[in-house]
Amino acid sequence: MATETRGEAAAKDEGKGKPAPRRTTPALFVRQVIAELRKVIWPTRRELVTYTTVSLVFVLIMVAIVSGFDYGLQKGIYEIFG
């Protein structure tokens, strides 16, 4: 119910005697990871190059912007206090 609080729901669950969930084995975990990786749609080489190029250009632009702000603030501080 939506009106229950966390404490009330936890108190109700304590009396039910549910067993703790079992841990999976490492082998099962690896099989599940491999199964999930097979579902992934991997990018083609062209897409990968495009995404990498766009990311690097974006990072370089951001570095230039931040460096410009830093340089401008540095010059401003030197003018005020220098």
N, C-alpha and C. Protein backbone atom coordinates (compact mmCIF):
# COMPACT_ATOMS: atom_id res chain seq x y z
N MET A 1 0.84 -1.17 0.00
CA MET A 1 0.00 0.00 0.00
C MET A 1 0.88 1.24 0.00
N ALA A 2 0.49 2.27 -0.68
CA ALA A 2 1.31 3.45 -0.83
C ALA A 2 1.41 4.25 0.47
N THR A 3 0.48 4.06 1.39
CA THR A 3 0.50 4.84 2.62
C THR A 3 1.40 4.23 3.69
N GLU A 4 1.90 3.02 3.47
CA GLU A 4 2.77 2.41 4.46
C GLU A 4 4.13 3.10 4.48
N THR A 5 4.70 3.18 5.66
CA THR A 5 6.04 3.74 5.75
C THR A 5 7.04 2.60 5.70
N ARG A 6 8.28 2.96 5.55
CA ARG A 6 9.34 1.96 5.45
C ARG A 6 9.39 1.09 6.71
N GLY A 7 9.24 1.68 7.87
CA GLY A 7 9.31 0.94 9.12
C GLY A 7 8.16 -0.06 9.26
N GLU A 8 6.97 0.34 8.84
CA GLU A 8 5.82 -0.54 8.94
C GLU A 8 5.96 -1.74 8.00
N ALA A 9 6.44 -1.49 6.79
CA ALA A 9 6.60 -2.57 5.83
C ALA A 9 7.67 -3.53 6.32
N ALA A 10 8.74 -3.02 6.88
CA ALA A 10 9.81 -3.89 7.38
C ALA A 10 9.32 -4.70 8.56
N ALA A 11 8.50 -4.10 9.42
CA ALA A 11 7.98 -4.82 10.58
C ALA A 11 7.05 -5.95 10.14
N LYS A 12 6.26 -5.73 9.11
CA LYS A 12 5.35 -6.77 8.62
C LYS A 12 6.11 -7.93 8.00
N ASP A 13 7.22 -7.65 7.32
CA ASP A 13 7.99 -8.69 6.66
C ASP A 13 8.75 -9.57 7.64
N GLU A 14 9.07 -9.05 8.83
CA GLU A 14 9.86 -9.81 9.79
C GLU A 14 9.13 -11.05 10.26
N GLY A 15 7.83 -11.00 10.41
CA GLY A 15 7.08 -12.11 10.96
C GLY A 15 6.79 -13.21 9.95
N LYS A 16 7.04 -13.01 8.67
CA LYS A 16 6.67 -13.99 7.65
C LYS A 16 7.64 -15.15 7.58
N GLY A 17 8.86 -14.99 8.07
CA GLY A 17 9.82 -16.08 8.08
C GLY A 17 10.32 -16.46 6.70
N LYS A 18 10.50 -15.50 5.82
CA LYS A 18 11.02 -15.79 4.49
C LYS A 18 12.50 -16.15 4.59
N PRO A 19 12.93 -17.17 3.86
CA PRO A 19 14.37 -17.49 3.90
C PRO A 19 15.17 -16.43 3.14
N ALA A 20 16.41 -16.27 3.54
CA ALA A 20 17.28 -15.30 2.89
C ALA A 20 17.56 -15.77 1.46
N PRO A 21 17.69 -14.83 0.51
CA PRO A 21 17.98 -15.24 -0.88
C PRO A 21 19.34 -15.90 -0.96
N ARG A 22 19.42 -16.96 -1.79
CA ARG A 22 20.67 -17.69 -1.93
C ARG A 22 21.63 -16.94 -2.83
N ARG A 23 22.90 -17.07 -2.55
CA ARG A 23 23.92 -16.44 -3.39
C ARG A 23 24.16 -17.32 -4.60
N THR A 24 24.50 -16.68 -5.71
CA THR A 24 24.79 -17.44 -6.91
C THR A 24 26.26 -17.89 -6.88
N THR A 25 26.53 -18.92 -7.62
CA THR A 25 27.90 -19.41 -7.70
C THR A 25 28.68 -18.54 -8.70
N PRO A 26 29.99 -18.51 -8.58
CA PRO A 26 30.78 -17.72 -9.55
C PRO A 26 30.57 -18.19 -10.99
N ALA A 27 30.42 -19.50 -11.20
CA ALA A 27 30.21 -20.01 -12.55
C ALA A 27 28.89 -19.50 -13.13
N LEU A 28 27.83 -19.49 -12.32
CA LEU A 28 26.53 -18.98 -12.77
C LEU A 28 26.63 -17.50 -13.08
N PHE A 29 27.35 -16.77 -12.23
CA PHE A 29 27.52 -15.33 -12.46
C PHE A 29 28.21 -15.08 -13.80
N VAL A 30 29.27 -15.83 -14.09
CA VAL A 30 30.00 -15.66 -15.36
C VAL A 30 29.09 -15.99 -16.54
N ARG A 31 28.31 -17.05 -16.44
CA ARG A 31 27.38 -17.41 -17.52
C ARG A 31 26.35 -16.30 -17.74
N GLN A 32 25.86 -15.71 -16.65
CA GLN A 32 24.88 -14.64 -16.78
C GLN A 32 25.51 -13.39 -17.41
N VAL A 33 26.75 -13.09 -17.04
CA VAL A 33 27.44 -11.94 -17.63
C VAL A 33 27.63 -12.14 -19.12
N ILE A 34 28.05 -13.34 -19.52
CA ILE A 34 28.25 -13.64 -20.94
C ILE A 34 26.93 -13.53 -21.69
N ALA A 35 25.86 -14.03 -21.09
CA ALA A 35 24.55 -13.94 -21.73
C ALA A 35 24.12 -12.49 -21.92
N GLU A 36 24.39 -11.64 -20.93
CA GLU A 36 24.04 -10.22 -21.06
C GLU A 36 24.90 -9.53 -22.11
N LEU A 37 26.18 -9.89 -22.18
CA LEU A 37 27.06 -9.27 -23.17
C LEU A 37 26.65 -9.65 -24.59
N ARG A 38 26.07 -10.81 -24.76
CA ARG A 38 25.59 -11.20 -26.10
C ARG A 38 24.42 -10.35 -26.54
N LYS A 39 23.67 -9.77 -25.59
CA LYS A 39 22.53 -8.92 -25.92
C LYS A 39 22.95 -7.51 -26.34
N VAL A 40 24.18 -7.14 -26.02
CA VAL A 40 24.65 -5.78 -26.29
C VAL A 40 24.81 -5.57 -27.79
N ILE A 41 24.37 -4.41 -28.25
CA ILE A 41 24.57 -4.04 -29.65
C ILE A 41 25.87 -3.25 -29.70
N TRP A 42 26.93 -3.89 -30.17
CA TRP A 42 28.24 -3.27 -30.19
C TRP A 42 28.34 -2.31 -31.37
N PRO A 43 29.01 -1.15 -31.20
CA PRO A 43 29.14 -0.20 -32.30
C PRO A 43 30.08 -0.73 -33.38
N THR A 44 29.81 -0.30 -34.60
CA THR A 44 30.72 -0.65 -35.70
C THR A 44 31.98 0.18 -35.55
N ARG A 45 33.00 -0.16 -36.33
CA ARG A 45 34.25 0.60 -36.27
C ARG A 45 34.01 2.07 -36.62
N ARG A 46 33.18 2.31 -37.62
CA ARG A 46 32.91 3.69 -38.03
C ARG A 46 32.21 4.45 -36.91
N GLU A 47 31.22 3.83 -36.28
CA GLU A 47 30.52 4.49 -35.16
C GLU A 47 31.48 4.76 -34.01
N LEU A 48 32.35 3.80 -33.73
CA LEU A 48 33.30 3.96 -32.64
C LEU A 48 34.25 5.13 -32.90
N VAL A 49 34.74 5.22 -34.13
CA VAL A 49 35.63 6.34 -34.49
C VAL A 49 34.88 7.66 -34.38
N THR A 50 33.64 7.68 -34.85
CA THR A 50 32.83 8.90 -34.78
C THR A 50 32.59 9.32 -33.33
N TYR A 51 32.16 8.39 -32.49
CA TYR A 51 31.90 8.70 -31.09
C TYR A 51 33.16 9.17 -30.38
N THR A 52 34.28 8.53 -30.66
CA THR A 52 35.54 8.91 -30.04
C THR A 52 35.96 10.30 -30.47
N THR A 53 35.82 10.59 -31.76
CA THR A 53 36.19 11.91 -32.28
C THR A 53 35.31 12.99 -31.66
N VAL A 54 34.02 12.76 -31.62
CA VAL A 54 33.11 13.74 -31.03
C VAL A 54 33.45 13.97 -29.56
N SER A 55 33.74 12.91 -28.83
CA SER A 55 34.08 13.04 -27.41
C SER A 55 35.36 13.84 -27.23
N LEU A 56 36.39 13.53 -28.01
CA LEU A 56 37.65 14.25 -27.88
C LEU A 56 37.51 15.72 -28.24
N VAL A 57 36.76 16.02 -29.31
CA VAL A 57 36.54 17.42 -29.69
C VAL A 57 35.78 18.15 -28.59
N PHE A 58 34.77 17.52 -28.02
CA PHE A 58 34.02 18.13 -26.92
C PHE A 58 34.93 18.42 -25.73
N VAL A 59 35.75 17.46 -25.37
CA VAL A 59 36.67 17.65 -24.24
C VAL A 59 37.65 18.78 -24.53
N LEU A 60 38.18 18.83 -25.73
CA LEU A 60 39.11 19.91 -26.08
C LEU A 60 38.44 21.28 -26.02
N ILE A 61 37.20 21.36 -26.49
CA ILE A 61 36.46 22.63 -26.42
C ILE A 61 36.24 23.03 -24.96
N MET A 62 35.86 22.08 -24.12
CA MET A 62 35.64 22.38 -22.71
C MET A 62 36.93 22.80 -22.03
N VAL A 63 38.05 22.16 -22.37
CA VAL A 63 39.34 22.55 -21.81
C VAL A 63 39.67 23.98 -22.22
N ALA A 64 39.41 24.32 -23.47
CA ALA A 64 39.69 25.68 -23.94
C ALA A 64 38.82 26.70 -23.20
N ILE A 65 37.55 26.38 -22.99
CA ILE A 65 36.65 27.30 -22.29
C ILE A 65 37.11 27.50 -20.85
N VAL A 66 37.38 26.41 -20.15
CA VAL A 66 37.80 26.50 -18.75
C VAL A 66 39.14 27.22 -18.64
N SER A 67 40.07 26.92 -19.55
CA SER A 67 41.37 27.59 -19.54
C SER A 67 41.20 29.09 -19.79
N GLY A 68 40.31 29.45 -20.71
CA GLY A 68 40.06 30.86 -20.97
C GLY A 68 39.49 31.57 -19.76
N PHE A 69 38.52 30.95 -19.08
CA PHE A 69 37.98 31.54 -17.85
C PHE A 69 39.07 31.67 -16.80
N ASP A 70 39.88 30.64 -16.65
CA ASP A 70 40.94 30.64 -15.65
C ASP A 70 41.93 31.76 -15.94
N TYR A 71 42.34 31.89 -17.18
CA TYR A 71 43.29 32.93 -17.57
C TYR A 71 42.68 34.32 -17.32
N GLY A 72 41.42 34.48 -17.71
CA GLY A 72 40.76 35.77 -17.50
C GLY A 72 40.62 36.12 -16.03
N LEU A 73 40.25 35.17 -15.21
CA LEU A 73 40.14 35.42 -13.78
C LEU A 73 41.51 35.70 -13.16
N GLN A 74 42.52 34.99 -13.62
CA GLN A 74 43.87 35.22 -13.12
C GLN A 74 44.32 36.64 -13.43
N LYS A 75 44.12 37.08 -14.65
CA LYS A 75 44.50 38.45 -15.04
C LYS A 75 43.70 39.48 -14.25
N GLY A 76 42.42 39.20 -14.03
CA GLY A 76 41.59 40.10 -13.25
C GLY A 76 42.06 40.22 -11.81
N ILE A 77 42.42 39.10 -11.20
CA ILE A 77 42.90 39.10 -9.83
C ILE A 77 44.24 39.86 -9.73
N TYR A 78 45.13 39.64 -10.71
CA TYR A 78 46.40 40.37 -10.71
C TYR A 78 46.19 41.86 -10.87
N GLU A 79 45.20 42.27 -11.63
CA GLU A 79 44.92 43.70 -11.80
C GLU A 79 44.38 44.29 -10.50
N ILE A 80 43.53 43.53 -9.81
CA ILE A 80 42.93 44.05 -8.57
C ILE A 80 43.95 44.07 -7.43
N PHE A 81 44.68 42.96 -7.23
CA PHE A 81 45.54 42.84 -6.08
C PHE A 81 47.03 43.02 -6.40
N GLY A 82 47.38 43.16 -7.66
CA GLY A 82 48.79 43.19 -8.04
C GLY A 82 49.37 44.52 -8.15
